[in-house]
Amino acid sequence: MARSGSRNQLVVQEARAALEQMKFEVAQQLGIPLDQAYNGDKATRDMGAIGGNMVRRLIQIAEQQLGGQQRLF
């Protein structure tokens, strides 16, 4: 059975614009041109590089935010 659409859902819907902006910033830093609408013709390797770098940046942001907090688990 084929599924349509993305299974990924944002926890904070207001973050969508910031994530889109980050995607274009990362692509620009990597020298990968992105279109505003359709990017299905791009190489999987390039799109994976964009996604991987976005994840690295998001982890770095989370670490910085959590750096000053002490948590006991």
PDB file of N, CA and C in Angstrom:
ATOM      1  N   MET A   1       0.838  -1.168   0.000  1.00  0.00           N
ATOM      2  CA  MET A   1       0.000   0.000   0.000  1.00  0.00           C
ATOM      3  C   MET A   1       0.891   1.241   0.000  1.00  0.00           C
ATOM      4  N   ALA A   2       0.687   2.099  -0.938  1.00  0.00           N
ATOM      5  CA  ALA A   2       1.479   3.322  -1.058  1.00  0.00           C
ATOM      6  C   ALA A   2       0.904   4.409  -0.165  1.00  0.00           C
ATOM      7  N   ARG A   3       1.807   5.156   0.416  1.00  0.00           N
ATOM      8  CA  ARG A   3       1.394   6.296   1.243  1.00  0.00           C
ATOM      9  C   ARG A   3       1.651   7.569   0.467  1.00  0.00           C
ATOM     10  N   SER A   4       0.785   8.517   0.652  1.00  0.00           N
ATOM     11  CA  SER A   4       1.001   9.801  -0.013  1.00  0.00           C
ATOM     12  C   SER A   4       1.359  10.847   1.024  1.00  0.00           C
ATOM     13  N   GLY A   5       2.210  11.764   0.627  1.00  0.00           N
ATOM     14  CA  GLY A   5       2.594  12.845   1.536  1.00  0.00           C
ATOM     15  C   GLY A   5       3.693  12.436   2.500  1.00  0.00           C
ATOM     16  N   SER A   6       4.119  13.360   3.262  1.00  0.00           N
ATOM     17  CA  SER A   6       5.187  13.148   4.220  1.00  0.00           C
ATOM     18  C   SER A   6       4.638  12.677   5.557  1.00  0.00           C
ATOM     19  N   ARG A   7       5.352  11.754   6.189  1.00  0.00           N
ATOM     20  CA  ARG A   7       4.954  11.304   7.517  1.00  0.00           C
ATOM     21  C   ARG A   7       5.546  12.214   8.593  1.00  0.00           C
ATOM     22  N   ASN A   8       6.479  13.050   8.212  1.00  0.00           N
ATOM     23  CA  ASN A   8       7.114  13.951   9.174  1.00  0.00           C
ATOM     24  C   ASN A   8       6.172  15.095   9.502  1.00  0.00           C
ATOM     25  N   GLN A   9       5.930  15.276  10.778  1.00  0.00           N
ATOM     26  CA  GLN A   9       5.067  16.370  11.206  1.00  0.00           C
ATOM     27  C   GLN A   9       5.829  17.230  12.197  1.00  0.00           C
ATOM     28  N   LEU A  10       5.709  18.534  12.045  1.00  0.00           N
ATOM     29  CA  LEU A  10       6.369  19.450  12.952  1.00  0.00           C
ATOM     30  C   LEU A  10       5.628  19.466  14.285  1.00  0.00           C
ATOM     31  N   VAL A  11       6.380  19.450  15.363  1.00  0.00           N
ATOM     32  CA  VAL A  11       5.787  19.569  16.686  1.00  0.00           C
ATOM     33  C   VAL A  11       5.337  21.008  16.902  1.00  0.00           C
ATOM     34  N   VAL A  12       6.163  21.940  16.458  1.00  0.00           N
ATOM     35  CA  VAL A  12       5.846  23.366  16.556  1.00  0.00           C
ATOM     36  C   VAL A  12       5.649  23.882  15.129  1.00  0.00           C
ATOM     37  N   GLN A  13       4.403  24.038  14.725  1.00  0.00           N
ATOM     38  CA  GLN A  13       4.083  24.432  13.353  1.00  0.00           C
ATOM     39  C   GLN A  13       4.705  25.773  12.970  1.00  0.00           C
ATOM     40  N   GLU A  14       4.892  26.650  13.940  1.00  0.00           N
ATOM     41  CA  GLU A  14       5.470  27.966  13.666  1.00  0.00           C
ATOM     42  C   GLU A  14       6.939  27.870  13.236  1.00  0.00           C
ATOM     43  N   ALA A  15       7.563  26.719  13.414  1.00  0.00           N
ATOM     44  CA  ALA A  15       8.974  26.540  13.062  1.00  0.00           C
ATOM     45  C   ALA A  15       9.163  26.291  11.570  1.00  0.00           C
ATOM     46  N   ARG A  16       8.092  26.047  10.833  1.00  0.00           N
ATOM     47  CA  ARG A  16       8.202  25.694   9.409  1.00  0.00           C
ATOM     48  C   ARG A  16       8.988  26.735   8.614  1.00  0.00           C
ATOM     49  N   ALA A  17       8.692  28.002   8.781  1.00  0.00           N
ATOM     50  CA  ALA A  17       9.377  29.059   8.024  1.00  0.00           C
ATOM     51  C   ALA A  17      10.861  29.109   8.373  1.00  0.00           C
ATOM     52  N   ALA A  18      11.181  28.940   9.643  1.00  0.00           N
ATOM     53  CA  ALA A  18      12.589  28.963  10.058  1.00  0.00           C
ATOM     54  C   ALA A  18      13.350  27.774   9.471  1.00  0.00           C
ATOM     55  N   LEU A  19      12.718  26.618   9.416  1.00  0.00           N
ATOM     56  CA  LEU A  19      13.366  25.439   8.837  1.00  0.00           C
ATOM     57  C   LEU A  19      13.564  25.603   7.338  1.00  0.00           C
ATOM     58  N   GLU A  20      12.586  26.181   6.667  1.00  0.00           N
ATOM     59  CA  GLU A  20      12.726  26.451   5.230  1.00  0.00           C
ATOM     60  C   GLU A  20      13.890  27.409   4.980  1.00  0.00           C
ATOM     61  N   GLN A  21      13.986  28.459   5.792  1.00  0.00           N
ATOM     62  CA  GLN A  21      15.071  29.421   5.647  1.00  0.00           C
ATOM     63  C   GLN A  21      16.415  28.738   5.891  1.00  0.00           C
ATOM     64  N   MET A  22      16.477  27.884   6.908  1.00  0.00           N
ATOM     65  CA  MET A  22      17.714  27.170   7.208  1.00  0.00           C
ATOM     66  C   MET A  22      18.112  26.279   6.039  1.00  0.00           C
ATOM     67  N   LYS A  23      17.145  25.632   5.411  1.00  0.00           N
ATOM     68  CA  LYS A  23      17.420  24.758   4.272  1.00  0.00           C
ATOM     69  C   LYS A  23      18.110  25.537   3.156  1.00  0.00           C
ATOM     70  N   PHE A  24      17.591  26.721   2.846  1.00  0.00           N
ATOM     71  CA  PHE A  24      18.178  27.515   1.778  1.00  0.00           C
ATOM     72  C   PHE A  24      19.553  28.064   2.173  1.00  0.00           C
ATOM     73  N   GLU A  25      19.748  28.420   3.430  1.00  0.00           N
ATOM     74  CA  GLU A  25      21.055  28.888   3.894  1.00  0.00           C
ATOM     75  C   GLU A  25      22.099  27.781   3.786  1.00  0.00           C
ATOM     76  N   VAL A  26      21.742  26.582   4.229  1.00  0.00           N
ATOM     77  CA  VAL A  26      22.665  25.455   4.173  1.00  0.00           C
ATOM     78  C   VAL A  26      22.997  25.116   2.722  1.00  0.00           C
ATOM     79  N   ALA A  27      21.987  25.100   1.862  1.00  0.00           N
ATOM     80  CA  ALA A  27      22.216  24.809   0.451  1.00  0.00           C
ATOM     81  C   ALA A  27      23.166  25.830  -0.171  1.00  0.00           C
ATOM     82  N   GLN A  28      22.971  27.085   0.179  1.00  0.00           N
ATOM     83  CA  GLN A  28      23.848  28.132  -0.351  1.00  0.00           C
ATOM     84  C   GLN A  28      25.281  27.942   0.135  1.00  0.00           C
ATOM     85  N   GLN A  29      25.462  27.606   1.409  1.00  0.00           N
ATOM     86  CA  GLN A  29      26.798  27.369   1.953  1.00  0.00           C
ATOM     87  C   GLN A  29      27.485  26.197   1.266  1.00  0.00           C
ATOM     88  N   LEU A  30      26.702  25.188   0.881  1.00  0.00           N
ATOM     89  CA  LEU A  30      27.254  24.013   0.218  1.00  0.00           C
ATOM     90  C   LEU A  30      27.394  24.207  -1.292  1.00  0.00           C
ATOM     91  N   GLY A  31      26.884  25.327  -1.804  1.00  0.00           N
ATOM     92  CA  GLY A  31      26.965  25.594  -3.235  1.00  0.00           C
ATOM     93  C   GLY A  31      25.978  24.784  -4.051  1.00  0.00           C
ATOM     94  N   ILE A  32      24.855  24.408  -3.443  1.00  0.00           N
ATOM     95  CA  ILE A  32      23.821  23.632  -4.123  1.00  0.00           C
ATOM     96  C   ILE A  32      22.653  24.563  -4.411  1.00  0.00           C
ATOM     97  N   PRO A  33      22.369  24.824  -5.689  1.00  0.00           N
ATOM     98  CA  PRO A  33      21.253  25.724  -6.020  1.00  0.00           C
ATOM     99  C   PRO A  33      19.910  25.036  -5.784  1.00  0.00           C
ATOM    100  N   LEU A  34      19.019  25.715  -5.073  1.00  0.00           N
ATOM    101  CA  LEU A  34      17.672  25.212  -4.829  1.00  0.00           C
ATOM    102  C   LEU A  34      16.655  26.146  -5.450  1.00  0.00           C
ATOM    103  N   ASP A  35      15.592  25.548  -5.963  1.00  0.00           N
ATOM    104  CA  ASP A  35      14.467  26.320  -6.475  1.00  0.00           C
ATOM    105  C   ASP A  35      13.473  26.515  -5.346  1.00  0.00           C
ATOM    106  N   GLN A  36      12.655  27.557  -5.439  1.00  0.00           N
ATOM    107  CA  GLN A  36      11.630  27.797  -4.428  1.00  0.00           C
ATOM    108  C   GLN A  36      10.536  26.739  -4.464  1.00  0.00           C
ATOM    109  N   ALA A  37      10.272  26.171  -5.637  1.00  0.00           N
ATOM    110  CA  ALA A  37       9.134  25.256  -5.747  1.00  0.00           C
ATOM    111  C   ALA A  37       9.569  23.797  -5.872  1.00  0.00           C
ATOM    112  N   TYR A  38      10.182  23.412  -6.973  1.00  0.00           N
ATOM    113  CA  TYR A  38      10.436  22.006  -7.284  1.00  0.00           C
ATOM    114  C   TYR A  38      11.927  21.716  -7.254  1.00  0.00           C
ATOM    115  N   ASN A  39      12.304  20.695  -6.490  1.00  0.00           N
ATOM    116  CA  ASN A  39      13.706  20.287  -6.433  1.00  0.00           C
ATOM    117  C   ASN A  39      13.859  18.789  -6.658  1.00  0.00           C
ATOM    118  N   GLY A  40      12.870  18.172  -7.297  1.00  0.00           N
ATOM    119  CA  GLY A  40      12.898  16.739  -7.546  1.00  0.00           C
ATOM    120  C   GLY A  40      13.953  16.306  -8.538  1.00  0.00           C
ATOM    121  N   ASP A  41      14.529  17.250  -9.258  1.00  0.00           N
ATOM    122  CA  ASP A  41      15.561  16.919 -10.225  1.00  0.00           C
ATOM    123  C   ASP A  41      16.969  16.977  -9.626  1.00  0.00           C
ATOM    124  N   LYS A  42      17.068  17.281  -8.353  1.00  0.00           N
ATOM    125  CA  LYS A  42      18.375  17.379  -7.691  1.00  0.00           C
ATOM    126  C   LYS A  42      18.878  15.991  -7.308  1.00  0.00           C
ATOM    127  N   ALA A  43      20.180  15.850  -7.209  1.00  0.00           N
ATOM    128  CA  ALA A  43      20.792  14.575  -6.845  1.00  0.00           C
ATOM    129  C   ALA A  43      20.471  14.229  -5.387  1.00  0.00           C
ATOM    130  N   THR A  44      20.238  12.958  -5.155  1.00  0.00           N
ATOM    131  CA  THR A  44      19.955  12.481  -3.799  1.00  0.00           C
ATOM    132  C   THR A  44      21.108  12.820  -2.866  1.00  0.00           C
ATOM    133  N   ARG A  45      22.317  12.706  -3.357  1.00  0.00           N
ATOM    134  CA  ARG A  45      23.504  13.006  -2.551  1.00  0.00           C
ATOM    135  C   ARG A  45      23.496  14.458  -2.084  1.00  0.00           C
ATOM    136  N   ASP A  46      23.143  15.378  -2.983  1.00  0.00           N
ATOM    137  CA  ASP A  46      23.095  16.804  -2.634  1.00  0.00           C
ATOM    138  C   ASP A  46      22.005  17.083  -1.608  1.00  0.00           C
ATOM    139  N   MET A  47      20.826  16.507  -1.831  1.00  0.00           N
ATOM    140  CA  MET A  47      19.724  16.747  -0.896  1.00  0.00           C
ATOM    141  C   MET A  47      20.031  16.133   0.468  1.00  0.00           C
ATOM    142  N   GLY A  48      20.702  14.987   0.475  1.00  0.00           N
ATOM    143  CA  GLY A  48      21.114  14.370   1.733  1.00  0.00           C
ATOM    144  C   GLY A  48      22.133  15.220   2.471  1.00  0.00           C
ATOM    145  N   ALA A  49      23.024  15.860   1.721  1.00  0.00           N
ATOM    146  CA  ALA A  49      24.018  16.738   2.341  1.00  0.00           C
ATOM    147  C   ALA A  49      23.333  17.933   3.002  1.00  0.00           C
ATOM    148  N   ILE A  50      22.319  18.468   2.345  1.00  0.00           N
ATOM    149  CA  ILE A  50      21.576  19.589   2.922  1.00  0.00           C
ATOM    150  C   ILE A  50      20.902  19.143   4.215  1.00  0.00           C
ATOM    151  N   GLY A  51      20.187  18.026   4.160  1.00  0.00           N
ATOM    152  CA  GLY A  51      19.495  17.518   5.344  1.00  0.00           C
ATOM    153  C   GLY A  51      20.443  17.192   6.482  1.00  0.00           C
ATOM    154  N   GLY A  52      21.556  16.561   6.165  1.00  0.00           N
ATOM    155  CA  GLY A  52      22.535  16.212   7.193  1.00  0.00           C
ATOM    156  C   GLY A  52      23.118  17.436   7.873  1.00  0.00           C
ATOM    157  N   ASN A  53      23.406  18.451   7.089  1.00  0.00           N
ATOM    158  CA  ASN A  53      23.947  19.682   7.668  1.00  0.00           C
ATOM    159  C   ASN A  53      22.903  20.427   8.481  1.00  0.00           C
ATOM    160  N   MET A  54      21.640  20.330   8.070  1.00  0.00           N
ATOM    161  CA  MET A  54      20.573  20.941   8.869  1.00  0.00           C
ATOM    162  C   MET A  54      20.484  20.260  10.234  1.00  0.00           C
ATOM    163  N   VAL A  55      20.570  18.936  10.238  1.00  0.00           N
ATOM    164  CA  VAL A  55      20.508  18.197  11.498  1.00  0.00           C
ATOM    165  C   VAL A  55      21.685  18.574  12.390  1.00  0.00           C
ATOM    166  N   ARG A  56      22.881  18.660  11.826  1.00  0.00           N
ATOM    167  CA  ARG A  56      24.057  19.072  12.618  1.00  0.00           C
ATOM    168  C   ARG A  56      23.831  20.438  13.257  1.00  0.00           C
ATOM    169  N   ARG A  57      23.303  21.372  12.465  1.00  0.00           N
ATOM    170  CA  ARG A  57      23.070  22.726  12.969  1.00  0.00           C
ATOM    171  C   ARG A  57      22.001  22.733  14.062  1.00  0.00           C
ATOM    172  N   LEU A  58      20.926  21.956  13.874  1.00  0.00           N
ATOM    173  CA  LEU A  58      19.874  21.886  14.893  1.00  0.00           C
ATOM    174  C   LEU A  58      20.384  21.264  16.194  1.00  0.00           C
ATOM    175  N   ILE A  59      21.234  20.251  16.078  1.00  0.00           N
ATOM    176  CA  ILE A  59      21.829  19.648  17.279  1.00  0.00           C
ATOM    177  C   ILE A  59      22.711  20.660  17.983  1.00  0.00           C
ATOM    178  N   GLN A  60      23.491  21.412  17.229  1.00  0.00           N
ATOM    179  CA  GLN A  60      24.357  22.436  17.820  1.00  0.00           C
ATOM    180  C   GLN A  60      23.527  23.488  18.559  1.00  0.00           C
ATOM    181  N   ILE A  61      22.430  23.918  17.965  1.00  0.00           N
ATOM    182  CA  ILE A  61      21.552  24.899  18.607  1.00  0.00           C
ATOM    183  C   ILE A  61      20.984  24.332  19.899  1.00  0.00           C
ATOM    184  N   ALA A  62      20.519  23.077  19.854  1.00  0.00           N
ATOM    185  CA  ALA A  62      19.957  22.444  21.055  1.00  0.00           C
ATOM    186  C   ALA A  62      21.010  22.299  22.145  1.00  0.00           C
ATOM    187  N   GLU A  63      22.231  21.919  21.787  1.00  0.00           N
ATOM    188  CA  GLU A  63      23.302  21.783  22.776  1.00  0.00           C
ATOM    189  C   GLU A  63      23.614  23.121  23.431  1.00  0.00           C
ATOM    190  N   GLN A  64      23.625  24.184  22.639  1.00  0.00           N
ATOM    191  CA  GLN A  64      23.887  25.506  23.194  1.00  0.00           C
ATOM    192  C   GLN A  64      22.785  25.921  24.155  1.00  0.00           C
ATOM    193  N   GLN A  65      21.549  25.614  23.810  1.00  0.00           N
ATOM    194  CA  GLN A  65      20.428  25.975  24.675  1.00  0.00           C
ATOM    195  C   GLN A  65      20.421  25.146  25.952  1.00  0.00           C
ATOM    196  N   LEU A  66      20.823  23.904  25.850  1.00  0.00           N
ATOM    197  CA  LEU A  66      20.828  23.030  27.024  1.00  0.00           C
ATOM    198  C   LEU A  66      22.102  23.158  27.844  1.00  0.00           C
ATOM    199  N   GLY A  67      23.114  23.796  27.296  1.00  0.00           N
ATOM    200  CA  GLY A  67      24.413  23.892  27.947  1.00  0.00           C
ATOM    201  C   GLY A  67      24.383  24.471  29.338  1.00  0.00           C
ATOM    202  N   GLY A  68      23.548  25.444  29.571  1.00  0.00           N
ATOM    203  CA  GLY A  68      23.498  26.091  30.864  1.00  0.00           C
ATOM    204  C   GLY A  68      22.528  25.443  31.832  1.00  0.00           C
ATOM    205  N   GLN A  69      21.813  24.434  31.384  1.00  0.00           N
ATOM    206  CA  GLN A  69      20.807  23.809  32.232  1.00  0.00           C
ATOM    207  C   GLN A  69      21.341  22.497  32.786  1.00  0.00           C
ATOM    208  N   GLN A  70      21.077  22.255  34.058  1.00  0.00           N
ATOM    209  CA  GLN A  70      21.426  20.973  34.656  1.00  0.00           C
ATOM    210  C   GLN A  70      20.156  20.157  34.785  1.00  0.00           C
ATOM    211  N   ARG A  71      20.245  18.934  34.321  1.00  0.00           N
ATOM    212  CA  ARG A  71      19.087  18.053  34.398  1.00  0.00           C
ATOM    213  C   ARG A  71      19.498  16.755  35.077  1.00  0.00           C
ATOM    214  N   LEU A  72      18.645  16.257  35.898  1.00  0.00           N
ATOM    215  CA  LEU A  72      18.868  14.966  36.523  1.00  0.00           C
ATOM    216  C   LEU A  72      17.887  13.978  35.920  1.00  0.00           C
ATOM    217  N   PHE A  73      18.417  12.957  35.287  1.00  0.00           N
ATOM    218  CA  PHE A  73      17.550  11.939  34.678  1.00  0.00           C
ATOM    219  C   PHE A  73      17.707  10.653  35.411  1.00  0.00           C
TER     220      PHE A  73
END
